[in-house]
Amino acid sequence: MYEDRLERLAVLLEKDAHKPDGVKFDLASWAEPSVAGNYRRWESKDVHIPVDCGTTACALGLAVISGEFAKEGLTTSFYGDDSGFLMFPSCNEQEGFYAGAELFGIEYDDSRYLFDPDCYDEVPQGAKGELFVAQRIRDFINGTIEHDQHPRYKDDYEDDERDSDF
């Protein structure tokens, strides 16, 4: 486990939570641009991903669009057609929650525990959500997890096939 990388993500989330023009945090969306409040797909897979008050992103999405983890191999994969593209986190040819596992040196189930909205009682949004996820990351680093929320321990958990989309 790369504890230093996880800590950097927690700090990034906290910093963004205190910026009035930061992303609109939503754990249920990798990253989405916004135009006048109407969400749309990226127009091109070659687009620069802006971080502004109209961009919605989750923790991994923020990690991608901030560029904070580019040296470690975190980038984007785009899928779509002429109507637009959807962005997915990518790291060393892994995508979605597998990219999170690869980047942070953790198991897939741990990546889901930290980044999958299905592993939260309430899906946190906005600045409070960023602070909540930052705290969950720190609790994970310290070995304190909520067993009833972790996929490895949940009774109703079914292993999703390469779950790279919310």
N, C-alpha and C. Protein backbone atom coordinates (compact mmCIF):
# COMPACT_ATOMS: atom_id res chain seq x y z
N MET A 1 0.86 -1.18 0.00
CA MET A 1 0.00 0.00 0.00
C MET A 1 0.90 1.24 0.00
N TYR A 2 0.55 2.17 -0.89
CA TYR A 2 1.27 3.44 -0.96
C TYR A 2 0.55 4.46 -0.06
N GLU A 3 0.89 4.44 1.21
CA GLU A 3 0.24 5.32 2.17
C GLU A 3 0.46 6.79 1.83
N ASP A 4 1.65 7.12 1.31
CA ASP A 4 1.93 8.51 0.95
C ASP A 4 1.01 9.00 -0.16
N ARG A 5 0.70 8.16 -1.11
CA ARG A 5 -0.22 8.54 -2.19
C ARG A 5 -1.64 8.72 -1.66
N LEU A 6 -2.05 7.80 -0.80
CA LEU A 6 -3.39 7.92 -0.21
C LEU A 6 -3.50 9.21 0.61
N GLU A 7 -2.45 9.53 1.37
CA GLU A 7 -2.45 10.76 2.16
C GLU A 7 -2.50 11.98 1.24
N ARG A 8 -1.77 11.95 0.13
CA ARG A 8 -1.81 13.06 -0.83
C ARG A 8 -3.22 13.25 -1.38
N LEU A 9 -3.93 12.16 -1.63
CA LEU A 9 -5.31 12.27 -2.11
C LEU A 9 -6.20 12.87 -1.04
N ALA A 10 -6.03 12.45 0.21
CA ALA A 10 -6.82 13.02 1.30
C ALA A 10 -6.59 14.53 1.40
N VAL A 11 -5.34 14.96 1.29
CA VAL A 11 -5.02 16.39 1.33
C VAL A 11 -5.63 17.12 0.14
N LEU A 12 -5.55 16.52 -1.04
CA LEU A 12 -6.14 17.11 -2.24
C LEU A 12 -7.65 17.30 -2.07
N LEU A 13 -8.32 16.31 -1.52
CA LEU A 13 -9.76 16.41 -1.28
C LEU A 13 -10.07 17.54 -0.29
N GLU A 14 -9.28 17.63 0.76
CA GLU A 14 -9.50 18.69 1.76
C GLU A 14 -9.27 20.08 1.16
N LYS A 15 -8.22 20.23 0.38
CA LYS A 15 -7.95 21.52 -0.25
C LYS A 15 -9.09 21.92 -1.17
N ASP A 16 -9.56 20.96 -1.98
CA ASP A 16 -10.63 21.27 -2.91
C ASP A 16 -11.93 21.60 -2.17
N ALA A 17 -12.16 20.94 -1.05
CA ALA A 17 -13.38 21.18 -0.27
C ALA A 17 -13.44 22.62 0.23
N HIS A 18 -12.28 23.24 0.43
CA HIS A 18 -12.23 24.60 0.96
C HIS A 18 -12.13 25.67 -0.14
N LYS A 19 -12.14 25.24 -1.40
CA LYS A 19 -12.08 26.18 -2.52
C LYS A 19 -13.50 26.43 -3.04
N PRO A 20 -13.97 27.66 -3.01
CA PRO A 20 -15.31 27.94 -3.52
C PRO A 20 -15.48 27.61 -5.00
N ASP A 21 -14.38 27.67 -5.76
CA ASP A 21 -14.46 27.38 -7.19
C ASP A 21 -13.92 25.99 -7.53
N GLY A 22 -13.85 25.10 -6.54
CA GLY A 22 -13.38 23.74 -6.78
C GLY A 22 -14.43 22.90 -7.49
N VAL A 23 -14.13 21.64 -7.67
CA VAL A 23 -15.09 20.76 -8.34
C VAL A 23 -16.32 20.58 -7.47
N LYS A 24 -17.42 20.22 -8.11
CA LYS A 24 -18.63 19.83 -7.40
C LYS A 24 -18.47 18.35 -7.11
N PHE A 25 -18.09 18.02 -5.89
CA PHE A 25 -17.79 16.64 -5.54
C PHE A 25 -19.04 15.79 -5.55
N ASP A 26 -18.95 14.67 -6.26
CA ASP A 26 -20.04 13.70 -6.33
C ASP A 26 -19.40 12.33 -6.48
N LEU A 27 -19.50 11.51 -5.46
CA LEU A 27 -18.87 10.20 -5.47
C LEU A 27 -19.43 9.30 -6.57
N ALA A 28 -20.57 9.65 -7.14
CA ALA A 28 -21.21 8.80 -8.14
C ALA A 28 -20.82 9.17 -9.57
N SER A 29 -19.78 9.97 -9.76
CA SER A 29 -19.39 10.38 -11.11
C SER A 29 -17.88 10.50 -11.19
N TRP A 30 -17.26 9.77 -12.15
CA TRP A 30 -15.81 9.88 -12.29
C TRP A 30 -15.43 11.34 -12.48
N ALA A 31 -15.92 11.95 -13.56
CA ALA A 31 -15.71 13.37 -13.83
C ALA A 31 -16.60 13.75 -15.00
N GLU A 32 -17.26 14.89 -14.87
CA GLU A 32 -18.14 15.38 -15.93
C GLU A 32 -17.98 16.88 -16.05
N PRO A 33 -17.88 17.37 -17.29
CA PRO A 33 -17.85 18.82 -17.48
C PRO A 33 -19.26 19.37 -17.35
N SER A 34 -19.36 20.66 -17.22
CA SER A 34 -20.66 21.30 -17.13
C SER A 34 -20.67 22.57 -17.96
N VAL A 35 -21.78 22.82 -18.58
CA VAL A 35 -21.98 24.07 -19.30
C VAL A 35 -23.26 24.67 -18.76
N ALA A 36 -23.15 25.81 -18.11
CA ALA A 36 -24.30 26.50 -17.52
C ALA A 36 -25.16 25.55 -16.69
N GLY A 37 -24.52 24.66 -15.96
CA GLY A 37 -25.26 23.77 -15.08
C GLY A 37 -25.86 22.56 -15.76
N ASN A 38 -25.75 22.47 -17.08
CA ASN A 38 -26.28 21.30 -17.80
C ASN A 38 -25.13 20.35 -18.09
N TYR A 39 -25.16 19.19 -17.46
CA TYR A 39 -24.06 18.27 -17.63
C TYR A 39 -24.07 17.66 -19.02
N ARG A 40 -22.89 17.44 -19.54
CA ARG A 40 -22.74 16.86 -20.87
C ARG A 40 -21.53 15.96 -20.86
N ARG A 41 -21.39 15.20 -21.92
CA ARG A 41 -20.20 14.37 -22.07
C ARG A 41 -19.07 15.25 -22.61
N TRP A 42 -17.83 14.76 -22.45
CA TRP A 42 -16.70 15.48 -23.04
C TRP A 42 -16.89 15.48 -24.55
N GLU A 43 -16.62 16.60 -25.20
CA GLU A 43 -16.82 16.70 -26.64
C GLU A 43 -15.74 15.97 -27.42
N SER A 44 -14.60 15.79 -26.83
CA SER A 44 -13.49 15.15 -27.51
C SER A 44 -12.65 14.40 -26.49
N LYS A 45 -12.09 13.28 -26.90
CA LYS A 45 -11.22 12.56 -25.97
C LYS A 45 -9.84 13.21 -25.88
N ASP A 46 -9.59 14.22 -26.68
CA ASP A 46 -8.32 14.95 -26.63
C ASP A 46 -8.46 16.28 -25.89
N VAL A 47 -9.52 16.44 -25.15
CA VAL A 47 -9.82 17.70 -24.48
C VAL A 47 -9.00 17.86 -23.20
N HIS A 48 -8.62 19.10 -22.91
CA HIS A 48 -8.04 19.40 -21.60
C HIS A 48 -9.18 19.38 -20.59
N ILE A 49 -8.99 18.72 -19.49
CA ILE A 49 -10.05 18.59 -18.51
C ILE A 49 -9.95 19.74 -17.53
N PRO A 50 -10.90 20.68 -17.59
CA PRO A 50 -10.83 21.83 -16.68
C PRO A 50 -11.30 21.48 -15.28
N VAL A 51 -10.70 22.12 -14.31
CA VAL A 51 -11.20 22.00 -12.94
C VAL A 51 -11.76 23.38 -12.60
N ASP A 52 -13.06 23.47 -12.58
CA ASP A 52 -13.70 24.73 -12.22
C ASP A 52 -15.00 24.42 -11.51
N CYS A 53 -15.73 25.45 -11.19
CA CYS A 53 -16.94 25.27 -10.41
C CYS A 53 -18.04 24.54 -11.18
N GLY A 54 -17.83 24.29 -12.46
CA GLY A 54 -18.81 23.54 -13.23
C GLY A 54 -18.47 22.08 -13.41
N THR A 55 -17.30 21.67 -12.97
CA THR A 55 -16.86 20.29 -13.15
C THR A 55 -17.29 19.45 -11.96
N THR A 56 -17.87 18.30 -12.24
CA THR A 56 -18.25 17.36 -11.19
C THR A 56 -17.24 16.22 -11.21
N ALA A 57 -16.82 15.77 -10.03
CA ALA A 57 -15.86 14.67 -9.97
C ALA A 57 -15.95 13.97 -8.62
N CYS A 58 -15.55 12.69 -8.63
CA CYS A 58 -15.40 11.93 -7.40
C CYS A 58 -13.94 12.03 -6.97
N ALA A 59 -13.55 11.27 -5.97
CA ALA A 59 -12.17 11.32 -5.47
C ALA A 59 -11.17 10.91 -6.54
N LEU A 60 -11.43 9.80 -7.23
CA LEU A 60 -10.51 9.37 -8.29
C LEU A 60 -10.55 10.33 -9.47
N GLY A 61 -11.73 10.84 -9.78
CA GLY A 61 -11.85 11.82 -10.86
C GLY A 61 -11.05 13.07 -10.57
N LEU A 62 -11.13 13.56 -9.32
CA LEU A 62 -10.35 14.72 -8.92
C LEU A 62 -8.85 14.41 -9.00
N ALA A 63 -8.47 13.21 -8.60
CA ALA A 63 -7.07 12.81 -8.68
C ALA A 63 -6.58 12.88 -10.13
N VAL A 64 -7.43 12.46 -11.07
CA VAL A 64 -7.06 12.50 -12.49
C VAL A 64 -6.96 13.94 -12.99
N ILE A 65 -8.03 14.70 -12.83
CA ILE A 65 -8.07 16.02 -13.46
C ILE A 65 -7.14 17.03 -12.79
N SER A 66 -6.74 16.76 -11.56
CA SER A 66 -5.80 17.65 -10.89
C SER A 66 -4.38 17.49 -11.42
N GLY A 67 -4.06 16.32 -11.98
CA GLY A 67 -2.71 16.04 -12.44
C GLY A 67 -1.76 15.65 -11.31
N GLU A 68 -2.26 15.59 -10.08
CA GLU A 68 -1.44 15.30 -8.90
C GLU A 68 -0.72 13.95 -8.99
N PHE A 69 -1.32 12.99 -9.69
CA PHE A 69 -0.76 11.64 -9.73
C PHE A 69 -0.31 11.24 -11.13
N ALA A 70 -0.08 12.21 -12.00
CA ALA A 70 0.33 11.91 -13.37
C ALA A 70 1.68 11.18 -13.41
N LYS A 71 2.62 11.58 -12.55
CA LYS A 71 3.94 10.93 -12.53
C LYS A 71 3.84 9.46 -12.13
N GLU A 72 2.81 9.13 -11.35
CA GLU A 72 2.60 7.75 -10.92
C GLU A 72 1.81 6.94 -11.95
N GLY A 73 1.44 7.57 -13.06
CA GLY A 73 0.77 6.84 -14.14
C GLY A 73 -0.73 7.01 -14.21
N LEU A 74 -1.32 7.85 -13.37
CA LEU A 74 -2.77 8.05 -13.42
C LEU A 74 -3.12 8.98 -14.57
N THR A 75 -3.98 8.51 -15.42
CA THR A 75 -4.39 9.26 -16.59
C THR A 75 -5.87 8.96 -16.86
N THR A 76 -6.31 9.24 -18.08
CA THR A 76 -7.71 9.00 -18.43
C THR A 76 -7.83 8.06 -19.60
N SER A 77 -8.93 7.35 -19.60
CA SER A 77 -9.39 6.62 -20.77
C SER A 77 -10.73 7.22 -21.14
N PHE A 78 -10.97 7.38 -22.42
CA PHE A 78 -12.24 7.91 -22.88
C PHE A 78 -12.94 6.87 -23.73
N TYR A 79 -14.23 6.77 -23.55
CA TYR A 79 -15.06 5.88 -24.35
C TYR A 79 -16.26 6.67 -24.84
N GLY A 80 -16.64 6.43 -26.08
CA GLY A 80 -17.80 7.11 -26.59
C GLY A 80 -17.85 7.10 -28.09
N ASP A 81 -18.59 8.05 -28.61
CA ASP A 81 -18.79 8.16 -30.05
C ASP A 81 -18.94 9.63 -30.41
N ASP A 82 -19.52 9.91 -31.56
CA ASP A 82 -19.65 11.30 -32.01
C ASP A 82 -20.50 12.15 -31.07
N SER A 83 -21.31 11.54 -30.23
CA SER A 83 -22.16 12.32 -29.32
C SER A 83 -21.40 12.75 -28.06
N GLY A 84 -20.22 12.23 -27.86
CA GLY A 84 -19.41 12.62 -26.71
C GLY A 84 -18.70 11.44 -26.09
N PHE A 85 -17.85 11.74 -25.13
CA PHE A 85 -17.02 10.72 -24.51
C PHE A 85 -17.19 10.73 -23.00
N LEU A 86 -17.09 9.55 -22.41
CA LEU A 86 -17.09 9.41 -20.96
C LEU A 86 -15.66 9.18 -20.51
N MET A 87 -15.27 9.79 -19.41
CA MET A 87 -13.92 9.68 -18.89
C MET A 87 -13.87 8.62 -17.79
N PHE A 88 -12.82 7.80 -17.81
CA PHE A 88 -12.57 6.81 -16.78
C PHE A 88 -11.13 6.97 -16.28
N PRO A 89 -10.90 6.86 -14.97
CA PRO A 89 -9.52 6.85 -14.49
C PRO A 89 -8.78 5.63 -15.03
N SER A 90 -7.52 5.81 -15.36
CA SER A 90 -6.72 4.72 -15.91
C SER A 90 -5.31 4.78 -15.31
N CYS A 91 -4.76 3.62 -14.97
CA CYS A 91 -3.41 3.56 -14.43
C CYS A 91 -2.78 2.23 -14.84
N ASN A 92 -1.71 2.30 -15.59
CA ASN A 92 -1.00 1.09 -16.04
C ASN A 92 -1.96 0.07 -16.66
N GLU A 93 -2.78 0.56 -17.58
CA GLU A 93 -3.73 -0.25 -18.35
C GLU A 93 -4.88 -0.81 -17.52
N GLN A 94 -5.03 -0.35 -16.30
CA GLN A 94 -6.17 -0.71 -15.46
C GLN A 94 -7.13 0.48 -15.45
N GLU A 95 -8.43 0.21 -15.34
CA GLU A 95 -9.40 1.30 -15.37
C GLU A 95 -10.35 1.23 -14.18
N GLY A 96 -10.98 2.35 -13.91
CA GLY A 96 -11.98 2.42 -12.86
C GLY A 96 -11.40 2.09 -11.50
N PHE A 97 -12.11 1.25 -10.76
CA PHE A 97 -11.66 0.88 -9.41
C PHE A 97 -10.36 0.07 -9.47
N TYR A 98 -10.12 -0.63 -10.58
CA TYR A 98 -8.85 -1.34 -10.74
C TYR A 98 -7.70 -0.33 -10.87
N ALA A 99 -7.96 0.83 -11.50
CA ALA A 99 -6.94 1.88 -11.58
C ALA A 99 -6.62 2.42 -10.19
N GLY A 100 -7.65 2.59 -9.36
CA GLY A 100 -7.43 3.01 -7.98
C GLY A 100 -6.58 2.01 -7.21
N ALA A 101 -6.88 0.74 -7.42
CA ALA A 101 -6.10 -0.32 -6.76
C ALA A 101 -4.65 -0.27 -7.21
N GLU A 102 -4.43 -0.11 -8.51
CA GLU A 102 -3.08 -0.05 -9.07
C GLU A 102 -2.32 1.17 -8.55
N LEU A 103 -2.94 2.32 -8.59
CA LEU A 103 -2.29 3.57 -8.18
C LEU A 103 -1.89 3.55 -6.72
N PHE A 104 -2.77 3.04 -5.86
CA PHE A 104 -2.53 3.11 -4.43
C PHE A 104 -1.96 1.82 -3.83
N GLY A 105 -1.73 0.80 -4.67
CA GLY A 105 -1.14 -0.44 -4.18
C GLY A 105 -2.05 -1.17 -3.21
N ILE A 106 -3.35 -1.16 -3.50
CA ILE A 106 -4.34 -1.79 -2.62
C ILE A 106 -5.13 -2.82 -3.42
N GLU A 107 -5.91 -3.62 -2.74
CA GLU A 107 -6.76 -4.61 -3.40
C GLU A 107 -7.95 -3.92 -4.05
N TYR A 108 -8.53 -4.60 -5.04
CA TYR A 108 -9.72 -4.09 -5.73
C TYR A 108 -10.84 -3.80 -4.72
N ASP A 109 -11.09 -4.71 -3.78
CA ASP A 109 -12.13 -4.49 -2.78
C ASP A 109 -11.85 -3.24 -1.93
N ASP A 110 -10.58 -2.98 -1.65
CA ASP A 110 -10.22 -1.79 -0.89
C ASP A 110 -10.47 -0.53 -1.73
N SER A 111 -10.18 -0.59 -3.02
CA SER A 111 -10.44 0.53 -3.91
C SER A 111 -11.93 0.82 -3.96
N ARG A 112 -12.73 -0.22 -4.04
CA ARG A 112 -14.18 -0.02 -4.02
C ARG A 112 -14.62 0.58 -2.68
N TYR A 113 -14.07 0.10 -1.59
CA TYR A 113 -14.43 0.61 -0.26
C TYR A 113 -14.19 2.12 -0.17
N LEU A 114 -13.09 2.57 -0.77
CA LEU A 114 -12.75 3.99 -0.70
C LEU A 114 -13.50 4.83 -1.73
N PHE A 115 -13.75 4.29 -2.93
CA PHE A 115 -14.20 5.13 -4.04
C PHE A 115 -15.56 4.78 -4.64
N ASP A 116 -16.16 3.67 -4.28
CA ASP A 116 -17.43 3.24 -4.87
C ASP A 116 -18.60 3.74 -4.02
N PRO A 117 -19.53 4.49 -4.61
CA PRO A 117 -20.66 4.98 -3.82
C PRO A 117 -21.51 3.86 -3.23
N ASP A 118 -21.46 2.67 -3.81
CA ASP A 118 -22.21 1.54 -3.27
C ASP A 118 -21.67 1.07 -1.93
N CYS A 119 -20.48 1.53 -1.56
CA CYS A 119 -19.86 1.13 -0.29
C CYS A 119 -20.02 2.20 0.78
N TYR A 120 -20.95 3.09 0.60
CA TYR A 120 -21.26 4.14 1.57
C TYR A 120 -22.73 4.04 1.92
N ASP A 121 -23.06 4.20 3.21
CA ASP A 121 -24.47 4.24 3.62
C ASP A 121 -25.18 5.38 2.91
N GLU A 122 -24.56 6.53 2.93
CA GLU A 122 -25.07 7.70 2.23
C GLU A 122 -23.96 8.17 1.30
N VAL A 123 -24.31 8.43 0.05
CA VAL A 123 -23.31 8.87 -0.91
C VAL A 123 -23.00 10.34 -0.65
N PRO A 124 -21.79 10.62 -0.16
CA PRO A 124 -21.45 12.00 0.18
C PRO A 124 -21.26 12.86 -1.06
N GLN A 125 -21.70 14.13 -0.97
CA GLN A 125 -21.54 15.08 -2.06
C GLN A 125 -21.04 16.41 -1.52
N GLY A 126 -20.55 17.23 -2.41
CA GLY A 126 -20.09 18.56 -2.02
C GLY A 126 -18.87 18.52 -1.11
N ALA A 127 -18.58 19.66 -0.52
CA ALA A 127 -17.40 19.79 0.34
C ALA A 127 -17.46 18.81 1.51
N LYS A 128 -18.64 18.61 2.08
CA LYS A 128 -18.77 17.64 3.19
C LYS A 128 -18.39 16.24 2.72
N GLY A 129 -18.76 15.92 1.50
CA GLY A 129 -18.40 14.62 0.94
C GLY A 129 -16.91 14.45 0.78
N GLU A 130 -16.24 15.51 0.30
CA GLU A 130 -14.79 15.45 0.14
C GLU A 130 -14.11 15.23 1.48
N LEU A 131 -14.57 15.94 2.50
CA LEU A 131 -13.98 15.78 3.82
C LEU A 131 -14.27 14.40 4.40
N PHE A 132 -15.46 13.87 4.13
CA PHE A 132 -15.83 12.55 4.60
C PHE A 132 -14.95 11.47 3.96
N VAL A 133 -14.75 11.57 2.65
CA VAL A 133 -13.92 10.59 1.94
C VAL A 133 -12.46 10.73 2.38
N ALA A 134 -11.98 11.96 2.60
CA ALA A 134 -10.61 12.14 3.08
C ALA A 134 -10.42 11.45 4.43
N GLN A 135 -11.41 11.56 5.30
CA GLN A 135 -11.34 10.89 6.60
C GLN A 135 -11.38 9.37 6.45
N ARG A 136 -12.21 8.88 5.53
CA ARG A 136 -12.27 7.43 5.30
C ARG A 136 -10.93 6.92 4.80
N ILE A 137 -10.27 7.69 3.94
CA ILE A 137 -8.94 7.30 3.44
C ILE A 137 -7.96 7.22 4.61
N ARG A 138 -7.98 8.20 5.48
CA ARG A 138 -7.06 8.18 6.64
C ARG A 138 -7.38 7.03 7.58
N ASP A 139 -8.65 6.75 7.80
CA ASP A 139 -9.03 5.60 8.63
C ASP A 139 -8.53 4.31 8.01
N PHE A 140 -8.63 4.21 6.69
CA PHE A 140 -8.14 3.02 5.99
C PHE A 140 -6.63 2.88 6.18
N ILE A 141 -5.89 3.97 6.02
CA ILE A 141 -4.44 3.94 6.22
C ILE A 141 -4.11 3.44 7.63
N ASN A 142 -4.90 3.87 8.60
CA ASN A 142 -4.67 3.50 10.00
C ASN A 142 -5.23 2.13 10.36
N GLY A 143 -5.82 1.45 9.39
CA GLY A 143 -6.34 0.10 9.63
C GLY A 143 -7.72 0.05 10.25
N THR A 144 -8.40 1.18 10.26
CA THR A 144 -9.74 1.24 10.83
C THR A 144 -10.74 1.35 9.68
N ILE A 145 -11.50 0.30 9.46
CA ILE A 145 -12.50 0.34 8.39
C ILE A 145 -13.87 -0.01 8.96
N GLU A 146 -14.89 0.38 8.25
CA GLU A 146 -16.26 0.03 8.61
C GLU A 146 -16.57 -1.29 7.92
N HIS A 147 -16.53 -2.38 8.67
CA HIS A 147 -16.72 -3.70 8.08
C HIS A 147 -18.05 -3.84 7.36
N ASP A 148 -19.09 -3.17 7.86
CA ASP A 148 -20.39 -3.30 7.22
C ASP A 148 -20.44 -2.57 5.88
N GLN A 149 -19.44 -1.75 5.56
CA GLN A 149 -19.39 -1.04 4.29
C GLN A 149 -18.35 -1.62 3.33
N HIS A 150 -17.42 -2.40 3.83
CA HIS A 150 -16.34 -2.94 3.00
C HIS A 150 -16.84 -4.14 2.22
N PRO A 151 -16.63 -4.16 0.89
CA PRO A 151 -17.13 -5.26 0.07
C PRO A 151 -16.65 -6.64 0.51
N ARG A 152 -15.46 -6.70 1.07
CA ARG A 152 -14.92 -7.99 1.47
C ARG A 152 -15.73 -8.62 2.61
N TYR A 153 -16.39 -7.77 3.41
CA TYR A 153 -17.09 -8.26 4.59
C TYR A 153 -18.60 -8.19 4.49
N LYS A 154 -19.11 -7.51 3.46
CA LYS A 154 -20.55 -7.37 3.31
C LYS A 154 -21.17 -8.70 2.89
N ASP A 155 -22.25 -9.06 3.52
CA ASP A 155 -22.93 -10.31 3.21
C ASP A 155 -23.50 -10.32 1.80
N ASP A 156 -23.97 -9.17 1.34
CA ASP A 156 -24.64 -9.12 0.04
C ASP A 156 -23.70 -8.76 -1.10
N TYR A 157 -22.41 -8.77 -0.86
CA TYR A 157 -21.46 -8.40 -1.90
C TYR A 157 -21.35 -9.50 -2.94
N GLU A 158 -21.46 -9.09 -4.21
CA GLU A 158 -21.23 -10.00 -5.33
C GLU A 158 -20.08 -9.42 -6.13
N ASP A 159 -19.14 -10.24 -6.51
CA ASP A 159 -17.98 -9.78 -7.26
C ASP A 159 -18.41 -9.30 -8.64
N ASP A 160 -18.35 -7.98 -8.85
CA ASP A 160 -18.72 -7.42 -10.14
C ASP A 160 -17.63 -7.69 -11.15
N GLU A 161 -18.03 -8.01 -12.37
CA GLU A 161 -17.09 -8.24 -13.46
C GLU A 161 -16.47 -6.91 -13.89
N ARG A 162 -15.21 -6.71 -13.61
CA ARG A 162 -14.45 -5.52 -14.04
C ARG A 162 -15.30 -4.27 -13.95
N ASP A 163 -15.81 -4.00 -12.77
CA ASP A 163 -16.70 -2.87 -12.52
C ASP A 163 -15.93 -1.56 -12.70
N SER A 164 -15.97 -1.00 -13.91
CA SER A 164 -15.25 0.24 -14.17
C SER A 164 -16.21 1.41 -14.35
N ASP A 165 -17.46 1.19 -14.12
CA ASP A 165 -18.45 2.26 -14.27
C ASP A 165 -19.34 2.25 -13.05
N PHE A 166 -19.87 3.40 -12.72
CA PHE A 166 -20.79 3.48 -11.59
C PHE A 166 -22.12 3.01 -12.08
